[in-house]
């Protein structure tokens, strides 16, 4: 059984927000470590919390990775929050369209949606 879906909005309670930040920051750093080991890639992760405290993770040397980044001139994938929200919305709309199409055919079918 999966976890309950949460709404992705700002957590209003400051204590809950701090606890969530701490847990998710650790999880994000753990995922970055795992990705660097499994896929033999360099990762630099920089996080500033709401009070501008800096947290960082680097799979190798942070300065070397950042230098490599600043000197990189080739086209590359780059994402922002709005990009992620847009892709998520498009996937949701596609899934709703598929579910709606199946409901009109009279065929009962289990549909799994991964967002």
PDB file of N, CA and C in Angstrom:
ATOM      1  N   UNK A   1       0.839  -1.180   0.000  1.00  0.00           N
ATOM      2  CA  UNK A   1       0.000   0.000   0.000  1.00  0.00           C
ATOM      3  C   UNK A   1       0.885   1.243   0.000  1.00  0.00           C
ATOM      4  N   UNK A   2       0.580   2.189  -0.860  1.00  0.00           N
ATOM      5  CA  UNK A   2       1.379   3.407  -0.991  1.00  0.00           C
ATOM      6  C   UNK A   2       1.070   4.434   0.084  1.00  0.00           C
ATOM      7  N   UNK A   3       1.852   5.465   0.062  1.00  0.00           N
ATOM      8  CA  UNK A   3       1.650   6.567   1.001  1.00  0.00           C
ATOM      9  C   UNK A   3       0.510   7.460   0.535  1.00  0.00           C
ATOM     10  N   UNK A   4      -0.057   8.183   1.494  1.00  0.00           N
ATOM     11  CA  UNK A   4      -1.105   9.138   1.197  1.00  0.00           C
ATOM     12  C   UNK A   4      -0.510  10.304   0.403  1.00  0.00           C
ATOM     13  N   UNK A   5      -1.195  10.723  -0.644  1.00  0.00           N
ATOM     14  CA  UNK A   5      -0.740  11.867  -1.434  1.00  0.00           C
ATOM     15  C   UNK A   5      -0.911  13.133  -0.609  1.00  0.00           C
ATOM     16  N   UNK A   6       0.091  14.003  -0.680  1.00  0.00           N
ATOM     17  CA  UNK A   6      -0.029  15.286  -0.007  1.00  0.00           C
ATOM     18  C   UNK A   6      -0.123  16.382  -1.049  1.00  0.00           C
ATOM     19  N   UNK A   7      -0.775  17.463  -0.671  1.00  0.00           N
ATOM     20  CA  UNK A   7      -0.871  18.605  -1.572  1.00  0.00           C
ATOM     21  C   UNK A   7       0.442  19.375  -1.495  1.00  0.00           C
ATOM     22  N   UNK A   8       1.001  19.688  -2.633  1.00  0.00           N
ATOM     23  CA  UNK A   8       2.279  20.392  -2.667  1.00  0.00           C
ATOM     24  C   UNK A   8       2.012  21.896  -2.602  1.00  0.00           C
ATOM     25  N   UNK A   9       1.912  22.382  -1.389  1.00  0.00           N
ATOM     26  CA  UNK A   9       1.784  23.808  -1.107  1.00  0.00           C
ATOM     27  C   UNK A   9       2.638  24.104   0.114  1.00  0.00           C
ATOM     28  N   UNK A  10       2.887  25.384   0.347  1.00  0.00           N
ATOM     29  CA  UNK A  10       3.716  25.798   1.477  1.00  0.00           C
ATOM     30  C   UNK A  10       3.067  25.343   2.779  1.00  0.00           C
ATOM     31  N   UNK A  11       3.859  24.751   3.654  1.00  0.00           N
ATOM     32  CA  UNK A  11       3.383  24.315   4.967  1.00  0.00           C
ATOM     33  C   UNK A  11       3.321  25.551   5.857  1.00  0.00           C
ATOM     34  N   UNK A  12       2.144  25.848   6.370  1.00  0.00           N
ATOM     35  CA  UNK A  12       1.952  27.084   7.129  1.00  0.00           C
ATOM     36  C   UNK A  12       2.537  27.014   8.539  1.00  0.00           C
ATOM     37  N   UNK A  13       2.423  25.871   9.195  1.00  0.00           N
ATOM     38  CA  UNK A  13       2.944  25.729  10.552  1.00  0.00           C
ATOM     39  C   UNK A  13       4.473  25.671  10.502  1.00  0.00           C
ATOM     40  N   UNK A  14       5.128  26.622  11.169  1.00  0.00           N
ATOM     41  CA  UNK A  14       6.586  26.744  11.076  1.00  0.00           C
ATOM     42  C   UNK A  14       7.310  25.500  11.586  1.00  0.00           C
ATOM     43  N   UNK A  15       6.831  24.929  12.677  1.00  0.00           N
ATOM     44  CA  UNK A  15       7.481  23.729  13.240  1.00  0.00           C
ATOM     45  C   UNK A  15       7.373  22.550  12.270  1.00  0.00           C
ATOM     46  N   UNK A  16       6.177  22.324  11.748  1.00  0.00           N
ATOM     47  CA  UNK A  16       5.986  21.238  10.775  1.00  0.00           C
ATOM     48  C   UNK A  16       6.815  21.467   9.515  1.00  0.00           C
ATOM     49  N   UNK A  17       6.903  22.731   9.090  1.00  0.00           N
ATOM     50  CA  UNK A  17       7.696  23.061   7.900  1.00  0.00           C
ATOM     51  C   UNK A  17       9.167  22.736   8.129  1.00  0.00           C
ATOM     52  N   UNK A  18       9.678  23.060   9.327  1.00  0.00           N
ATOM     53  CA  UNK A  18      11.085  22.794   9.640  1.00  0.00           C
ATOM     54  C   UNK A  18      11.361  21.294   9.712  1.00  0.00           C
ATOM     55  N   UNK A  19      10.452  20.548  10.334  1.00  0.00           N
ATOM     56  CA  UNK A  19      10.609  19.090  10.422  1.00  0.00           C
ATOM     57  C   UNK A  19      10.589  18.481   9.020  1.00  0.00           C
ATOM     58  N   UNK A  20       9.652  18.921   8.192  1.00  0.00           N
ATOM     59  CA  UNK A  20       9.560  18.417   6.822  1.00  0.00           C
ATOM     60  C   UNK A  20      10.814  18.763   6.032  1.00  0.00           C
ATOM     61  N   UNK A  21      11.296  19.991   6.191  1.00  0.00           N
ATOM     62  CA  UNK A  21      12.517  20.410   5.498  1.00  0.00           C
ATOM     63  C   UNK A  21      13.682  19.504   5.872  1.00  0.00           C
ATOM     64  N   UNK A  22      13.859  19.266   7.162  1.00  0.00           N
ATOM     65  CA  UNK A  22      14.978  18.445   7.634  1.00  0.00           C
ATOM     66  C   UNK A  22      14.904  17.030   7.060  1.00  0.00           C
ATOM     67  N   UNK A  23      13.729  16.427   7.117  1.00  0.00           N
ATOM     68  CA  UNK A  23      13.564  15.061   6.610  1.00  0.00           C
ATOM     69  C   UNK A  23      13.779  14.993   5.098  1.00  0.00           C
ATOM     70  N   UNK A  24      13.172  15.913   4.378  1.00  0.00           N
ATOM     71  CA  UNK A  24      13.275  15.887   2.919  1.00  0.00           C
ATOM     72  C   UNK A  24      14.670  16.261   2.435  1.00  0.00           C
ATOM     73  N   UNK A  25      15.329  17.154   3.153  1.00  0.00           N
ATOM     74  CA  UNK A  25      16.714  17.515   2.803  1.00  0.00           C
ATOM     75  C   UNK A  25      17.598  16.281   2.911  1.00  0.00           C
ATOM     76  N   UNK A  26      17.446  15.539   4.002  1.00  0.00           N
ATOM     77  CA  UNK A  26      18.218  14.308   4.165  1.00  0.00           C
ATOM     78  C   UNK A  26      17.898  13.326   3.037  1.00  0.00           C
ATOM     79  N   UNK A  27      16.616  13.160   2.722  1.00  0.00           N
ATOM     80  CA  UNK A  27      16.213  12.251   1.652  1.00  0.00           C
ATOM     81  C   UNK A  27      16.762  12.662   0.301  1.00  0.00           C
ATOM     82  N   UNK A  28      16.769  13.962   0.040  1.00  0.00           N
ATOM     83  CA  UNK A  28      17.300  14.474  -1.224  1.00  0.00           C
ATOM     84  C   UNK A  28      18.799  14.226  -1.330  1.00  0.00           C
ATOM     85  N   UNK A  29      19.513  14.453  -0.243  1.00  0.00           N
ATOM     86  CA  UNK A  29      20.960  14.211  -0.246  1.00  0.00           C
ATOM     87  C   UNK A  29      21.270  12.723  -0.402  1.00  0.00           C
ATOM     88  N   UNK A  30      20.447  11.891   0.224  1.00  0.00           N
ATOM     89  CA  UNK A  30      20.638  10.444   0.093  1.00  0.00           C
ATOM     90  C   UNK A  30      20.413  10.011  -1.361  1.00  0.00           C
ATOM     91  N   UNK A  31      19.363  10.551  -1.998  1.00  0.00           N
ATOM     92  CA  UNK A  31      19.097  10.230  -3.404  1.00  0.00           C
ATOM     93  C   UNK A  31      20.239  10.713  -4.299  1.00  0.00           C
ATOM     94  N   UNK A  32      20.784  11.891  -4.002  1.00  0.00           N
ATOM     95  CA  UNK A  32      21.908  12.414  -4.786  1.00  0.00           C
ATOM     96  C   UNK A  32      23.112  11.491  -4.654  1.00  0.00           C
ATOM     97  N   UNK A  33      23.380  11.032  -3.436  1.00  0.00           N
ATOM     98  CA  UNK A  33      24.490  10.090  -3.210  1.00  0.00           C
ATOM     99  C   UNK A  33      24.266   8.806  -4.008  1.00  0.00           C
ATOM    100  N   UNK A  34      23.059   8.249  -3.904  1.00  0.00           N
ATOM    101  CA  UNK A  34      22.753   6.999  -4.600  1.00  0.00           C
ATOM    102  C   UNK A  34      22.904   7.157  -6.114  1.00  0.00           C
ATOM    103  N   UNK A  35      22.416   8.261  -6.659  1.00  0.00           N
ATOM    104  CA  UNK A  35      22.534   8.514  -8.090  1.00  0.00           C
ATOM    105  C   UNK A  35      23.994   8.615  -8.508  1.00  0.00           C
ATOM    106  N   UNK A  36      24.804   9.282  -7.696  1.00  0.00           N
ATOM    107  CA  UNK A  36      26.225   9.431  -8.044  1.00  0.00           C
ATOM    108  C   UNK A  36      26.943   8.092  -8.040  1.00  0.00           C
ATOM    109  N   UNK A  37      26.596   7.222  -7.103  1.00  0.00           N
ATOM    110  CA  UNK A  37      27.243   5.906  -7.021  1.00  0.00           C
ATOM    111  C   UNK A  37      26.734   4.984  -8.124  1.00  0.00           C
ATOM    112  N   UNK A  38      25.417   4.887  -8.263  1.00  0.00           N
ATOM    113  CA  UNK A  38      24.833   3.960  -9.233  1.00  0.00           C
ATOM    114  C   UNK A  38      25.159   4.328 -10.680  1.00  0.00           C
ATOM    115  N   UNK A  39      25.194   5.607 -10.974  1.00  0.00           N
ATOM    116  CA  UNK A  39      25.342   6.051 -12.363  1.00  0.00           C
ATOM    117  C   UNK A  39      26.682   6.702 -12.654  1.00  0.00           C
ATOM    118  N   UNK A  40      27.589   6.656 -11.693  1.00  0.00           N
ATOM    119  CA  UNK A  40      28.932   7.203 -11.865  1.00  0.00           C
ATOM    120  C   UNK A  40      28.881   8.624 -12.434  1.00  0.00           C
ATOM    121  N   UNK A  41      28.161   9.501 -11.721  1.00  0.00           N
ATOM    122  CA  UNK A  41      28.043  10.882 -12.180  1.00  0.00           C
ATOM    123  C   UNK A  41      28.426  11.849 -11.063  1.00  0.00           C
ATOM    124  N   UNK A  42      28.762  13.063 -11.469  1.00  0.00           N
ATOM    125  CA  UNK A  42      29.110  14.095 -10.501  1.00  0.00           C
ATOM    126  C   UNK A  42      27.855  14.889 -10.155  1.00  0.00           C
ATOM    127  N   UNK A  43      27.658  15.132  -8.877  1.00  0.00           N
ATOM    128  CA  UNK A  43      26.479  15.862  -8.426  1.00  0.00           C
ATOM    129  C   UNK A  43      26.898  16.949  -7.456  1.00  0.00           C
ATOM    130  N   UNK A  44      26.323  18.132  -7.660  1.00  0.00           N
ATOM    131  CA  UNK A  44      26.470  19.230  -6.710  1.00  0.00           C
ATOM    132  C   UNK A  44      25.065  19.692  -6.357  1.00  0.00           C
ATOM    133  N   UNK A  45      24.744  19.649  -5.091  1.00  0.00           N
ATOM    134  CA  UNK A  45      23.418  20.021  -4.612  1.00  0.00           C
ATOM    135  C   UNK A  45      23.582  21.171  -3.629  1.00  0.00           C
ATOM    136  N   UNK A  46      22.907  22.277  -3.902  1.00  0.00           N
ATOM    137  CA  UNK A  46      23.000  23.462  -3.053  1.00  0.00           C
ATOM    138  C   UNK A  46      21.598  23.814  -2.582  1.00  0.00           C
ATOM    139  N   UNK A  47      21.426  23.980  -1.280  1.00  0.00           N
ATOM    140  CA  UNK A  47      20.128  24.307  -0.701  1.00  0.00           C
ATOM    141  C   UNK A  47      20.298  25.485   0.256  1.00  0.00           C
ATOM    142  N   UNK A  48      19.447  26.481   0.104  1.00  0.00           N
ATOM    143  CA  UNK A  48      19.342  27.558   1.083  1.00  0.00           C
ATOM    144  C   UNK A  48      17.962  27.440   1.714  1.00  0.00           C
ATOM    145  N   UNK A  49      17.906  27.362   3.042  1.00  0.00           N
ATOM    146  CA  UNK A  49      16.600  27.281   3.687  1.00  0.00           C
ATOM    147  C   UNK A  49      15.971  28.670   3.774  1.00  0.00           C
ATOM    148  N   UNK A  50      14.822  28.769   4.437  1.00  0.00           N
ATOM    149  CA  UNK A  50      14.091  30.037   4.497  1.00  0.00           C
ATOM    150  C   UNK A  50      14.828  31.121   5.277  1.00  0.00           C
ATOM    151  N   UNK A  51      15.816  30.730   6.090  1.00  0.00           N
ATOM    152  CA  UNK A  51      16.614  31.723   6.824  1.00  0.00           C
ATOM    153  C   UNK A  51      17.979  31.925   6.171  1.00  0.00           C
ATOM    154  N   UNK A  52      18.111  31.466   4.937  1.00  0.00           N
ATOM    155  CA  UNK A  52      19.346  31.578   4.145  1.00  0.00           C
ATOM    156  C   UNK A  52      20.524  30.794   4.705  1.00  0.00           C
ATOM    157  N   UNK A  53      20.244  29.738   5.447  1.00  0.00           N
ATOM    158  CA  UNK A  53      21.313  28.842   5.882  1.00  0.00           C
ATOM    159  C   UNK A  53      21.644  27.917   4.710  1.00  0.00           C
ATOM    160  N   UNK A  54      22.937  27.734   4.477  1.00  0.00           N
ATOM    161  CA  UNK A  54      23.407  26.938   3.343  1.00  0.00           C
ATOM    162  C   UNK A  54      23.621  25.485   3.740  1.00  0.00           C
ATOM    163  N   UNK A  55      23.139  24.587   2.876  1.00  0.00           N
ATOM    164  CA  UNK A  55      23.396  23.152   2.994  1.00  0.00           C
ATOM    165  C   UNK A  55      23.888  22.709   1.625  1.00  0.00           C
ATOM    166  N   UNK A  56      24.885  21.847   1.602  1.00  0.00           N
ATOM    167  CA  UNK A  56      25.383  21.398   0.307  1.00  0.00           C
ATOM    168  C   UNK A  56      25.821  19.944   0.361  1.00  0.00           C
ATOM    169  N   UNK A  57      25.758  19.320  -0.813  1.00  0.00           N
ATOM    170  CA  UNK A  57      26.261  17.962  -1.007  1.00  0.00           C
ATOM    171  C   UNK A  57      27.009  17.966  -2.330  1.00  0.00           C
ATOM    172  N   UNK A  58      28.156  17.350  -2.353  1.00  0.00           N
ATOM    173  CA  UNK A  58      28.896  17.168  -3.602  1.00  0.00           C
ATOM    174  C   UNK A  58      29.452  15.755  -3.629  1.00  0.00           C
ATOM    175  N   UNK A  59      29.265  15.088  -4.755  1.00  0.00           N
ATOM    176  CA  UNK A  59      29.764  13.720  -4.886  1.00  0.00           C
ATOM    177  C   UNK A  59      31.283  13.701  -4.983  1.00  0.00           C
ATOM    178  N   UNK A  60      31.855  14.797  -5.448  1.00  0.00           N
ATOM    179  CA  UNK A  60      33.314  14.948  -5.489  1.00  0.00           C
ATOM    180  C   UNK A  60      33.633  16.271  -4.801  1.00  0.00           C
ATOM    181  N   UNK A  61      34.402  17.117  -5.417  1.00  0.00           N
ATOM    182  CA  UNK A  61      34.723  18.425  -4.851  1.00  0.00           C
ATOM    183  C   UNK A  61      33.740  19.473  -5.378  1.00  0.00           C
ATOM    184  N   UNK A  62      33.055  20.172  -4.478  1.00  0.00           N
ATOM    185  CA  UNK A  62      32.039  21.153  -4.878  1.00  0.00           C
ATOM    186  C   UNK A  62      32.621  22.210  -5.815  1.00  0.00           C
ATOM    187  N   UNK A  63      33.776  22.748  -5.481  1.00  0.00           N
ATOM    188  CA  UNK A  63      34.380  23.796  -6.314  1.00  0.00           C
ATOM    189  C   UNK A  63      34.667  23.304  -7.728  1.00  0.00           C
ATOM    190  N   UNK A  64      35.143  22.065  -7.849  1.00  0.00           N
ATOM    191  CA  UNK A  64      35.434  21.511  -9.177  1.00  0.00           C
ATOM    192  C   UNK A  64      34.154  21.329  -9.993  1.00  0.00           C
ATOM    193  N   UNK A  65      33.096  20.849  -9.340  1.00  0.00           N
ATOM    194  CA  UNK A  65      31.829  20.645 -10.050  1.00  0.00           C
ATOM    195  C   UNK A  65      31.250  21.993 -10.480  1.00  0.00           C
ATOM    196  N   UNK A  66      31.301  22.987  -9.605  1.00  0.00           N
ATOM    197  CA  UNK A  66      30.773  24.310  -9.954  1.00  0.00           C
ATOM    198  C   UNK A  66      31.591  24.975 -11.058  1.00  0.00           C
ATOM    199  N   UNK A  67      32.892  24.792 -11.037  1.00  0.00           N
ATOM    200  CA  UNK A  67      33.737  25.326 -12.104  1.00  0.00           C
ATOM    201  C   UNK A  67      33.375  24.668 -13.436  1.00  0.00           C
ATOM    202  N   UNK A  68      33.195  23.362 -13.403  1.00  0.00           N
ATOM    203  CA  UNK A  68      32.801  22.623 -14.600  1.00  0.00           C
ATOM    204  C   UNK A  68      31.458  23.155 -15.126  1.00  0.00           C
ATOM    205  N   UNK A  69      30.543  23.439 -14.203  1.00  0.00           N
ATOM    206  CA  UNK A  69      29.225  23.967 -14.568  1.00  0.00           C
ATOM    207  C   UNK A  69      29.341  25.348 -15.222  1.00  0.00           C
ATOM    208  N   UNK A  70      30.111  26.231 -14.626  1.00  0.00           N
ATOM    209  CA  UNK A  70      30.230  27.594 -15.162  1.00  0.00           C
ATOM    210  C   UNK A  70      30.946  27.622 -16.509  1.00  0.00           C
ATOM    211  N   UNK A  71      31.802  26.657 -16.766  1.00  0.00           N
ATOM    212  CA  UNK A  71      32.532  26.607 -18.034  1.00  0.00           C
ATOM    213  C   UNK A  71      31.790  25.829 -19.116  1.00  0.00           C
ATOM    214  N   UNK A  72      30.676  25.191 -18.768  1.00  0.00           N
ATOM    215  CA  UNK A  72      29.929  24.364 -19.712  1.00  0.00           C
ATOM    216  C   UNK A  72      29.136  25.253 -20.659  1.00  0.00           C
ATOM    217  N   UNK A  73      29.347  25.085 -21.966  1.00  0.00           N
ATOM    218  CA  UNK A  73      28.703  25.944 -22.963  1.00  0.00           C
ATOM    219  C   UNK A  73      27.700  25.220 -23.848  1.00  0.00           C
ATOM    220  N   UNK A  74      27.606  23.921 -23.745  1.00  0.00           N
ATOM    221  CA  UNK A  74      26.710  23.149 -24.601  1.00  0.00           C
ATOM    222  C   UNK A  74      25.261  23.290 -24.115  1.00  0.00           C
ATOM    223  N   UNK A  75      24.288  23.104 -25.027  1.00  0.00           N
ATOM    224  CA  UNK A  75      22.884  23.075 -24.595  1.00  0.00           C
ATOM    225  C   UNK A  75      22.682  21.933 -23.602  1.00  0.00           C
ATOM    226  N   UNK A  76      21.857  22.160 -22.610  1.00  0.00           N
ATOM    227  CA  UNK A  76      21.638  21.131 -21.598  1.00  0.00           C
ATOM    228  C   UNK A  76      20.242  21.262 -20.994  1.00  0.00           C
ATOM    229  N   UNK A  77      19.821  20.203 -20.321  1.00  0.00           N
ATOM    230  CA  UNK A  77      18.522  20.191 -19.662  1.00  0.00           C
ATOM    231  C   UNK A  77      18.583  21.062 -18.414  1.00  0.00           C
ATOM    232  N   UNK A  78      17.596  21.905 -18.266  1.00  0.00           N
ATOM    233  CA  UNK A  78      17.514  22.781 -17.106  1.00  0.00           C
ATOM    234  C   UNK A  78      16.049  22.889 -16.705  1.00  0.00           C
ATOM    235  N   UNK A  79      15.744  22.707 -15.442  1.00  0.00           N
ATOM    236  CA  UNK A  79      14.355  22.718 -14.965  1.00  0.00           C
ATOM    237  C   UNK A  79      14.150  23.771 -13.885  1.00  0.00           C
ATOM    238  N   UNK A  80      12.929  24.315 -13.869  1.00  0.00           N
ATOM    239  CA  UNK A  80      12.511  25.217 -12.801  1.00  0.00           C
ATOM    240  C   UNK A  80      11.231  24.658 -12.182  1.00  0.00           C
ATOM    241  N   UNK A  81      10.776  25.262 -11.093  1.00  0.00           N
ATOM    242  CA  UNK A  81       9.535  24.809 -10.468  1.00  0.00           C
ATOM    243  C   UNK A  81       8.372  24.830 -11.450  1.00  0.00           C
ATOM    244  N   UNK A  82       8.253  25.891 -12.244  1.00  0.00           N
ATOM    245  CA  UNK A  82       7.131  25.996 -13.180  1.00  0.00           C
ATOM    246  C   UNK A  82       7.186  24.899 -14.243  1.00  0.00           C
ATOM    247  N   UNK A  83       8.374  24.485 -14.661  1.00  0.00           N
ATOM    248  CA  UNK A  83       8.504  23.377 -15.612  1.00  0.00           C
ATOM    249  C   UNK A  83       7.953  22.088 -15.015  1.00  0.00           C
ATOM    250  N   UNK A  84       8.315  21.823 -13.771  1.00  0.00           N
ATOM    251  CA  UNK A  84       7.872  20.599 -13.095  1.00  0.00           C
ATOM    252  C   UNK A  84       6.357  20.600 -12.935  1.00  0.00           C
ATOM    253  N   UNK A  85       5.787  21.731 -12.528  1.00  0.00           N
ATOM    254  CA  UNK A  85       4.336  21.841 -12.349  1.00  0.00           C
ATOM    255  C   UNK A  85       3.628  21.634 -13.681  1.00  0.00           C
ATOM    256  N   UNK A  86       4.153  22.222 -14.745  1.00  0.00           N
ATOM    257  CA  UNK A  86       3.547  22.091 -16.067  1.00  0.00           C
ATOM    258  C   UNK A  86       3.549  20.641 -16.542  1.00  0.00           C
ATOM    259  N   UNK A  87       4.655  19.944 -16.402  1.00  0.00           N
ATOM    260  CA  UNK A  87       4.746  18.539 -16.810  1.00  0.00           C
ATOM    261  C   UNK A  87       3.784  17.692 -15.985  1.00  0.00           C
ATOM    262  N   UNK A  88       3.722  17.947 -14.694  1.00  0.00           N
ATOM    263  CA  UNK A  88       2.814  17.213 -13.816  1.00  0.00           C
ATOM    264  C   UNK A  88       1.363  17.438 -14.239  1.00  0.00           C
ATOM    265  N   UNK A  89       1.008  18.675 -14.552  1.00  0.00           N
ATOM    266  CA  UNK A  89      -0.343  19.009 -14.992  1.00  0.00           C
ATOM    267  C   UNK A  89      -0.678  18.293 -16.300  1.00  0.00           C
ATOM    268  N   UNK A  90       0.256  18.303 -17.244  1.00  0.00           N
ATOM    269  CA  UNK A  90       0.030  17.641 -18.532  1.00  0.00           C
ATOM    270  C   UNK A  90      -0.177  16.142 -18.356  1.00  0.00           C
ATOM    271  N   UNK A  91       0.613  15.511 -17.484  1.00  0.00           N
ATOM    272  CA  UNK A  91       0.451  14.079 -17.232  1.00  0.00           C
ATOM    273  C   UNK A  91      -0.903  13.797 -16.595  1.00  0.00           C
ATOM    274  N   UNK A  92      -1.329  14.654 -15.678  1.00  0.00           N
ATOM    275  CA  UNK A  92      -2.627  14.487 -15.027  1.00  0.00           C
ATOM    276  C   UNK A  92      -3.747  14.599 -16.050  1.00  0.00           C
ATOM    277  N   UNK A  93      -3.665  15.593 -16.948  1.00  0.00           N
ATOM    278  CA  UNK A  93      -4.686  15.771 -17.971  1.00  0.00           C
ATOM    279  C   UNK A  93      -4.740  14.573 -18.914  1.00  0.00           C
ATOM    280  N   UNK A  94      -3.590  14.050 -19.300  1.00  0.00           N
ATOM    281  CA  UNK A  94      -3.532  12.873 -20.162  1.00  0.00           C
ATOM    282  C   UNK A  94      -4.167  11.674 -19.469  1.00  0.00           C
ATOM    283  N   UNK A  95      -3.867  11.497 -18.194  1.00  0.00           N
ATOM    284  CA  UNK A  95      -4.432  10.380 -17.432  1.00  0.00           C
ATOM    285  C   UNK A  95      -5.943  10.520 -17.319  1.00  0.00           C
ATOM    286  N   UNK A  96      -6.432  11.724 -17.067  1.00  0.00           N
ATOM    287  CA  UNK A  96      -7.879  11.945 -16.968  1.00  0.00           C
ATOM    288  C   UNK A  96      -8.554  11.654 -18.299  1.00  0.00           C
ATOM    289  N   UNK A  97      -7.914  12.030 -19.389  1.00  0.00           N
ATOM    290  CA  UNK A  97      -8.460  11.765 -20.717  1.00  0.00           C
ATOM    291  C   UNK A  97      -8.560  10.264 -20.958  1.00  0.00           C
ATOM    292  N   UNK A  98      -7.514   9.518 -20.575  1.00  0.00           N
ATOM    293  CA  UNK A  98      -7.537   8.058 -20.751  1.00  0.00           C
ATOM    294  C   UNK A  98      -8.625   7.421 -19.898  1.00  0.00           C
ATOM    295  N   UNK A  99      -8.749   7.853 -18.652  1.00  0.00           N
ATOM    296  CA  UNK A  99      -9.772   7.295 -17.762  1.00  0.00           C
ATOM    297  C   UNK A  99     -11.149   7.623 -18.306  1.00  0.00           C
ATOM    298  N   UNK A 100     -11.342   8.854 -18.767  1.00  0.00           N
ATOM    299  CA  UNK A 100     -12.620   9.283 -19.325  1.00  0.00           C
ATOM    300  C   UNK A 100     -12.956   8.467 -20.575  1.00  0.00           C
ATOM    301  N   UNK A 101     -11.982   8.213 -21.425  1.00  0.00           N
ATOM    302  CA  UNK A 101     -12.197   7.429 -22.643  1.00  0.00           C
ATOM    303  C   UNK A 101     -12.592   5.997 -22.300  1.00  0.00           C
ATOM    304  N   UNK A 102     -11.945   5.409 -21.296  1.00  0.00           N
ATOM    305  CA  UNK A 102     -12.280   4.042 -20.888  1.00  0.00           C
ATOM    306  C   UNK A 102     -13.671   3.976 -20.268  1.00  0.00           C
ATOM    307  N   UNK A 103     -14.093   5.006 -19.572  1.00  0.00           N
ATOM    308  CA  UNK A 103     -15.405   4.972 -18.924  1.00  0.00           C
ATOM    309  C   UNK A 103     -16.529   5.030 -19.953  1.00  0.00           C
ATOM    310  N   UNK A 104     -16.279   5.612 -21.128  1.00  0.00           N
ATOM    311  CA  UNK A 104     -17.302   5.684 -22.167  1.00  0.00           C
ATOM    312  C   UNK A 104     -17.366   4.427 -23.024  1.00  0.00           C
ATOM    313  N   UNK A 105     -16.378   3.572 -22.951  1.00  0.00           N
ATOM    314  CA  UNK A 105     -16.403   2.348 -23.753  1.00  0.00           C
ATOM    315  C   UNK A 105     -17.162   1.238 -23.051  1.00  0.00           C
ATOM    316  N   UNK A 106     -17.472   1.437 -21.778  1.00  0.00           N
ATOM    317  CA  UNK A 106     -18.169   0.415 -21.022  1.00  0.00           C
ATOM    318  C   UNK A 106     -17.256  -0.682 -20.524  1.00  0.00           C
ATOM    319  N   UNK A 107     -15.987  -0.597 -20.820  1.00  0.00           N
ATOM    320  CA  UNK A 107     -15.016  -1.593 -20.391  1.00  0.00           C
ATOM    321  C   UNK A 107     -14.427  -1.140 -19.068  1.00  0.00           C
ATOM    322  N   UNK A 108     -14.514  -2.009 -18.074  1.00  0.00           N
ATOM    323  CA  UNK A 108     -13.915  -1.683 -16.788  1.00  0.00           C
ATOM    324  C   UNK A 108     -12.473  -2.138 -16.807  1.00  0.00           C
ATOM    325  N   UNK A 109     -11.594  -1.215 -16.587  1.00  0.00           N
ATOM    326  CA  UNK A 109     -10.174  -1.504 -16.660  1.00  0.00           C
ATOM    327  C   UNK A 109      -9.471  -0.708 -15.579  1.00  0.00           C
ATOM    328  N   UNK A 110      -8.533  -1.325 -14.923  1.00  0.00           N
ATOM    329  CA  UNK A 110      -7.752  -0.638 -13.902  1.00  0.00           C
ATOM    330  C   UNK A 110      -6.678   0.190 -14.600  1.00  0.00           C
ATOM    331  N   UNK A 111      -6.602   1.464 -14.259  1.00  0.00           N
ATOM    332  CA  UNK A 111      -5.637   2.365 -14.865  1.00  0.00           C
ATOM    333  C   UNK A 111      -4.706   2.883 -13.782  1.00  0.00           C
ATOM    334  N   UNK A 112      -3.411   2.698 -13.974  1.00  0.00           N
ATOM    335  CA  UNK A 112      -2.409   3.214 -13.045  1.00  0.00           C
ATOM    336  C   UNK A 112      -1.796   4.462 -13.653  1.00  0.00           C
ATOM    337  N   UNK A 113      -1.692   5.491 -12.842  1.00  0.00           N
ATOM    338  CA  UNK A 113      -1.131   6.748 -13.306  1.00  0.00           C
ATOM    339  C   UNK A 113       0.071   7.074 -12.451  1.00  0.00           C
ATOM    340  N   UNK A 114       1.217   7.311 -13.086  1.00  0.00           N
ATOM    341  CA  UNK A 114       2.442   7.690 -12.379  1.00  0.00           C
ATOM    342  C   UNK A 114       2.780   9.124 -12.742  1.00  0.00           C
ATOM    343  N   UNK A 115       2.850   9.951 -11.724  1.00  0.00           N
ATOM    344  CA  UNK A 115       3.162  11.364 -11.949  1.00  0.00           C
ATOM    345  C   UNK A 115       4.438  11.700 -11.239  1.00  0.00           C
TER     346      UNK A 115
END
